[in-house]
């Protein structure tokens, strides 16, 4: 990628973050859980196309909500911590929860791309396919 193309991509990424849920929310979630803000963006882009109101139903009867598409299987655990489904439509809450899930995966799997894949599926083939989608949505790193 040329320097000009990298700069344009970086400016586009910055503009998208500035126009999406408060930039401070992205940075706070990334910092709190030690994950790359670009990776959070790529997951949100893959999961919901940066739509904090997104809802998707899964074949197994579960469903995903919000910017980071938090699966309903997490709801009982989140409720014990005071987070209800309705809170997950707040992009800042969704980013915090999604970052926490990703950080848990990173701690358990010790490999960033395995952790990204596990964010979506425990099935290895599905996890690999998902990680590739996220990778393709990853904004370029600043030089």
C-alpha atoms as a PDB file:
ATOM      1  CA  UNK A   1       0.000   0.000   0.000  1.00  0.00           C
ATOM      2  CA  UNK A   2       1.424   3.393  -0.957  1.00  0.00           C
ATOM      3  CA  UNK A   3       1.962   6.106   1.628  1.00  0.00           C
ATOM      4  CA  UNK A   4      -0.855   8.145   0.118  1.00  0.00           C
ATOM      5  CA  UNK A   5      -3.251   5.176   0.226  1.00  0.00           C
ATOM      6  CA  UNK A   6      -2.265   4.433   3.843  1.00  0.00           C
ATOM      7  CA  UNK A   7      -2.827   8.052   4.809  1.00  0.00           C
ATOM      8  CA  UNK A   8      -6.238   8.108   3.109  1.00  0.00           C
ATOM      9  CA  UNK A   9      -7.230   4.856   4.810  1.00  0.00           C
ATOM     10  CA  UNK A  10      -6.075   6.176   8.186  1.00  0.00           C
ATOM     11  CA  UNK A  11      -7.988   9.436   7.699  1.00  0.00           C
ATOM     12  CA  UNK A  12     -11.086   7.479   6.698  1.00  0.00           C
ATOM     13  CA  UNK A  13     -10.774   5.307   9.820  1.00  0.00           C
ATOM     14  CA  UNK A  14     -10.416   8.419  12.002  1.00  0.00           C
ATOM     15  CA  UNK A  15     -13.433  10.024  10.327  1.00  0.00           C
ATOM     16  CA  UNK A  16     -15.538   6.889  10.840  1.00  0.00           C
ATOM     17  CA  UNK A  17     -14.585   6.725  14.511  1.00  0.00           C
ATOM     18  CA  UNK A  18     -15.382  10.398  14.933  1.00  0.00           C
ATOM     19  CA  UNK A  19     -18.848   9.883  13.414  1.00  0.00           C
ATOM     20  CA  UNK A  20     -19.664   6.630  15.177  1.00  0.00           C
ATOM     21  CA  UNK A  21     -20.341   6.146  18.864  1.00  0.00           C
ATOM     22  CA  UNK A  22     -18.244   8.584  20.818  1.00  0.00           C
ATOM     23  CA  UNK A  23     -14.570   8.151  20.044  1.00  0.00           C
ATOM     24  CA  UNK A  24     -13.887   8.167  23.770  1.00  0.00           C
ATOM     25  CA  UNK A  25     -15.968   4.977  24.143  1.00  0.00           C
ATOM     26  CA  UNK A  26     -13.791   3.116  21.637  1.00  0.00           C
ATOM     27  CA  UNK A  27     -10.590   4.279  23.314  1.00  0.00           C
ATOM     28  CA  UNK A  28     -11.858   3.605  26.846  1.00  0.00           C
ATOM     29  CA  UNK A  29     -12.930   0.041  26.028  1.00  0.00           C
ATOM     30  CA  UNK A  30      -9.667  -0.719  24.214  1.00  0.00           C
ATOM     31  CA  UNK A  31      -7.578   0.699  27.048  1.00  0.00           C
ATOM     32  CA  UNK A  32      -9.570  -0.940  29.849  1.00  0.00           C
ATOM     33  CA  UNK A  33      -9.266  -4.434  28.383  1.00  0.00           C
ATOM     34  CA  UNK A  34      -5.917  -4.097  26.607  1.00  0.00           C
ATOM     35  CA  UNK A  35      -7.205  -4.647  23.090  1.00  0.00           C
ATOM     36  CA  UNK A  36      -6.411  -2.756  19.886  1.00  0.00           C
ATOM     37  CA  UNK A  37      -9.054  -0.157  19.017  1.00  0.00           C
ATOM     38  CA  UNK A  38      -8.611  -1.054  15.328  1.00  0.00           C
ATOM     39  CA  UNK A  39      -9.514  -4.650  16.151  1.00  0.00           C
ATOM     40  CA  UNK A  40     -12.639  -3.501  18.005  1.00  0.00           C
ATOM     41  CA  UNK A  41     -13.605  -1.440  14.974  1.00  0.00           C
ATOM     42  CA  UNK A  42     -13.058  -4.412  12.630  1.00  0.00           C
ATOM     43  CA  UNK A  43     -15.194  -6.666  14.836  1.00  0.00           C
ATOM     44  CA  UNK A  44     -17.983  -4.059  15.060  1.00  0.00           C
ATOM     45  CA  UNK A  45     -17.824  -3.566  11.280  1.00  0.00           C
ATOM     46  CA  UNK A  46     -17.999  -7.334  10.713  1.00  0.00           C
ATOM     47  CA  UNK A  47     -20.706  -7.932  13.314  1.00  0.00           C
ATOM     48  CA  UNK A  48     -23.129  -5.035  12.836  1.00  0.00           C
ATOM     49  CA  UNK A  49     -21.774  -2.744  10.099  1.00  0.00           C
ATOM     50  CA  UNK A  50     -21.308  -0.236  12.973  1.00  0.00           C
ATOM     51  CA  UNK A  51     -25.038  -0.306  13.770  1.00  0.00           C
ATOM     52  CA  UNK A  52     -25.727  -0.014  17.523  1.00  0.00           C
ATOM     53  CA  UNK A  53     -29.388  -1.054  16.997  1.00  0.00           C
ATOM     54  CA  UNK A  54     -28.587  -4.260  15.079  1.00  0.00           C
ATOM     55  CA  UNK A  55     -30.378  -7.479  16.024  1.00  0.00           C
ATOM     56  CA  UNK A  56     -29.636 -10.819  14.372  1.00  0.00           C
ATOM     57  CA  UNK A  57     -31.319 -14.138  15.034  1.00  0.00           C
ATOM     58  CA  UNK A  58     -29.233 -17.305  14.894  1.00  0.00           C
ATOM     59  CA  UNK A  59     -30.304 -20.751  13.708  1.00  0.00           C
ATOM     60  CA  UNK A  60     -29.759 -22.200  17.183  1.00  0.00           C
ATOM     61  CA  UNK A  61     -32.414 -19.885  18.676  1.00  0.00           C
ATOM     62  CA  UNK A  62     -29.999 -17.411  20.237  1.00  0.00           C
ATOM     63  CA  UNK A  63     -29.727 -13.841  19.007  1.00  0.00           C
ATOM     64  CA  UNK A  64     -27.123 -11.071  18.898  1.00  0.00           C
ATOM     65  CA  UNK A  65     -27.706  -7.425  19.771  1.00  0.00           C
ATOM     66  CA  UNK A  66     -26.014  -4.075  19.479  1.00  0.00           C
ATOM     67  CA  UNK A  67     -22.861  -2.690  17.944  1.00  0.00           C
ATOM     68  CA  UNK A  68     -20.699  -5.652  18.991  1.00  0.00           C
ATOM     69  CA  UNK A  69     -23.535  -8.193  18.494  1.00  0.00           C
ATOM     70  CA  UNK A  70     -23.446  -9.606  22.011  1.00  0.00           C
ATOM     71  CA  UNK A  71     -25.025 -13.073  21.955  1.00  0.00           C
ATOM     72  CA  UNK A  72     -28.023 -13.772  24.177  1.00  0.00           C
ATOM     73  CA  UNK A  73     -26.106 -16.636  25.810  1.00  0.00           C
ATOM     74  CA  UNK A  74     -24.163 -13.929  27.699  1.00  0.00           C
ATOM     75  CA  UNK A  75     -27.312 -12.291  29.132  1.00  0.00           C
ATOM     76  CA  UNK A  76     -27.550 -14.292  32.399  1.00  0.00           C
ATOM     77  CA  UNK A  77     -23.916 -13.551  33.300  1.00  0.00           C
ATOM     78  CA  UNK A  78     -24.189  -9.908  32.280  1.00  0.00           C
ATOM     79  CA  UNK A  79     -27.390  -9.502  34.315  1.00  0.00           C
ATOM     80  CA  UNK A  80     -25.515 -10.589  37.453  1.00  0.00           C
ATOM     81  CA  UNK A  81     -23.248  -7.597  36.790  1.00  0.00           C
ATOM     82  CA  UNK A  82     -26.140  -5.184  36.296  1.00  0.00           C
ATOM     83  CA  UNK A  83     -26.110  -5.219  32.486  1.00  0.00           C
ATOM     84  CA  UNK A  84     -29.435  -6.007  30.851  1.00  0.00           C
ATOM     85  CA  UNK A  85     -30.174  -6.618  27.188  1.00  0.00           C
ATOM     86  CA  UNK A  86     -31.549  -3.085  26.761  1.00  0.00           C
ATOM     87  CA  UNK A  87     -28.189  -1.658  27.896  1.00  0.00           C
ATOM     88  CA  UNK A  88     -26.406  -3.413  25.022  1.00  0.00           C
ATOM     89  CA  UNK A  89     -28.016  -1.046  22.511  1.00  0.00           C
ATOM     90  CA  UNK A  90     -25.880   1.711  24.036  1.00  0.00           C
ATOM     91  CA  UNK A  91     -22.752   1.612  21.857  1.00  0.00           C
ATOM     92  CA  UNK A  92     -20.460   2.395  24.793  1.00  0.00           C
ATOM     93  CA  UNK A  93     -21.853  -0.500  26.843  1.00  0.00           C
ATOM     94  CA  UNK A  94     -21.681  -2.825  23.835  1.00  0.00           C
ATOM     95  CA  UNK A  95     -18.035  -1.842  23.242  1.00  0.00           C
ATOM     96  CA  UNK A  96     -17.172  -2.497  26.885  1.00  0.00           C
ATOM     97  CA  UNK A  97     -18.852  -5.921  26.868  1.00  0.00           C
ATOM     98  CA  UNK A  98     -17.419  -6.889  23.474  1.00  0.00           C
ATOM     99  CA  UNK A  99     -13.944  -5.818  24.606  1.00  0.00           C
ATOM    100  CA  UNK A 100     -14.320  -7.855  27.782  1.00  0.00           C
ATOM    101  CA  UNK A 101     -15.345 -10.950  25.786  1.00  0.00           C
ATOM    102  CA  UNK A 102     -12.411 -10.495  23.414  1.00  0.00           C
ATOM    103  CA  UNK A 103     -10.003  -9.988  26.340  1.00  0.00           C
ATOM    104  CA  UNK A 104     -11.298 -13.190  27.967  1.00  0.00           C
ATOM    105  CA  UNK A 105     -10.658 -15.050  24.720  1.00  0.00           C
ATOM    106  CA  UNK A 106      -7.165 -13.563  24.460  1.00  0.00           C
ATOM    107  CA  UNK A 107      -6.350 -14.608  27.997  1.00  0.00           C
ATOM    108  CA  UNK A 108      -7.645 -18.134  27.404  1.00  0.00           C
ATOM    109  CA  UNK A 109      -6.307 -18.758  23.892  1.00  0.00           C
ATOM    110  CA  UNK A 110      -3.127 -16.618  23.908  1.00  0.00           C
ATOM    111  CA  UNK A 111      -3.413 -15.937  20.168  1.00  0.00           C
ATOM    112  CA  UNK A 112      -5.122 -12.791  18.856  1.00  0.00           C
ATOM    113  CA  UNK A 113      -6.666 -14.372  15.765  1.00  0.00           C
ATOM    114  CA  UNK A 114      -7.871 -17.464  17.614  1.00  0.00           C
ATOM    115  CA  UNK A 115      -9.430 -15.072  20.146  1.00  0.00           C
ATOM    116  CA  UNK A 116     -11.123 -13.108  17.366  1.00  0.00           C
ATOM    117  CA  UNK A 117     -12.481 -16.319  15.849  1.00  0.00           C
ATOM    118  CA  UNK A 118     -13.763 -17.487  19.231  1.00  0.00           C
ATOM    119  CA  UNK A 119     -15.614 -14.163  19.608  1.00  0.00           C
ATOM    120  CA  UNK A 120     -18.000 -15.535  16.984  1.00  0.00           C
ATOM    121  CA  UNK A 121     -17.856 -19.325  17.199  1.00  0.00           C
ATOM    122  CA  UNK A 122     -16.256 -22.179  19.149  1.00  0.00           C
ATOM    123  CA  UNK A 123     -16.208 -24.250  15.944  1.00  0.00           C
ATOM    124  CA  UNK A 124     -12.659 -24.052  14.478  1.00  0.00           C
ATOM    125  CA  UNK A 125     -13.683 -23.786  10.802  1.00  0.00           C
ATOM    126  CA  UNK A 126     -16.309 -21.107  11.521  1.00  0.00           C
ATOM    127  CA  UNK A 127     -13.896 -19.269  13.814  1.00  0.00           C
ATOM    128  CA  UNK A 128     -11.207 -19.195  11.086  1.00  0.00           C
ATOM    129  CA  UNK A 129     -13.663 -17.906   8.481  1.00  0.00           C
ATOM    130  CA  UNK A 130     -14.875 -15.214  10.888  1.00  0.00           C
ATOM    131  CA  UNK A 131     -11.332 -14.139  11.807  1.00  0.00           C
ATOM    132  CA  UNK A 132     -10.575 -13.694   8.102  1.00  0.00           C
ATOM    133  CA  UNK A 133     -13.649 -11.457   7.695  1.00  0.00           C
ATOM    134  CA  UNK A 134     -12.511  -9.357  10.657  1.00  0.00           C
ATOM    135  CA  UNK A 135      -8.986  -9.180   9.238  1.00  0.00           C
ATOM    136  CA  UNK A 136     -10.380  -7.837   5.965  1.00  0.00           C
ATOM    137  CA  UNK A 137     -12.191  -5.083   7.904  1.00  0.00           C
ATOM    138  CA  UNK A 138      -9.088  -4.127   9.898  1.00  0.00           C
ATOM    139  CA  UNK A 139      -8.045  -0.525   9.196  1.00  0.00           C
ATOM    140  CA  UNK A 140      -4.362  -0.018   8.385  1.00  0.00           C
ATOM    141  CA  UNK A 141      -2.039   0.678  11.291  1.00  0.00           C
ATOM    142  CA  UNK A 142      -0.660   4.194  11.531  1.00  0.00           C
ATOM    143  CA  UNK A 143       2.993   4.414  10.568  1.00  0.00           C
END
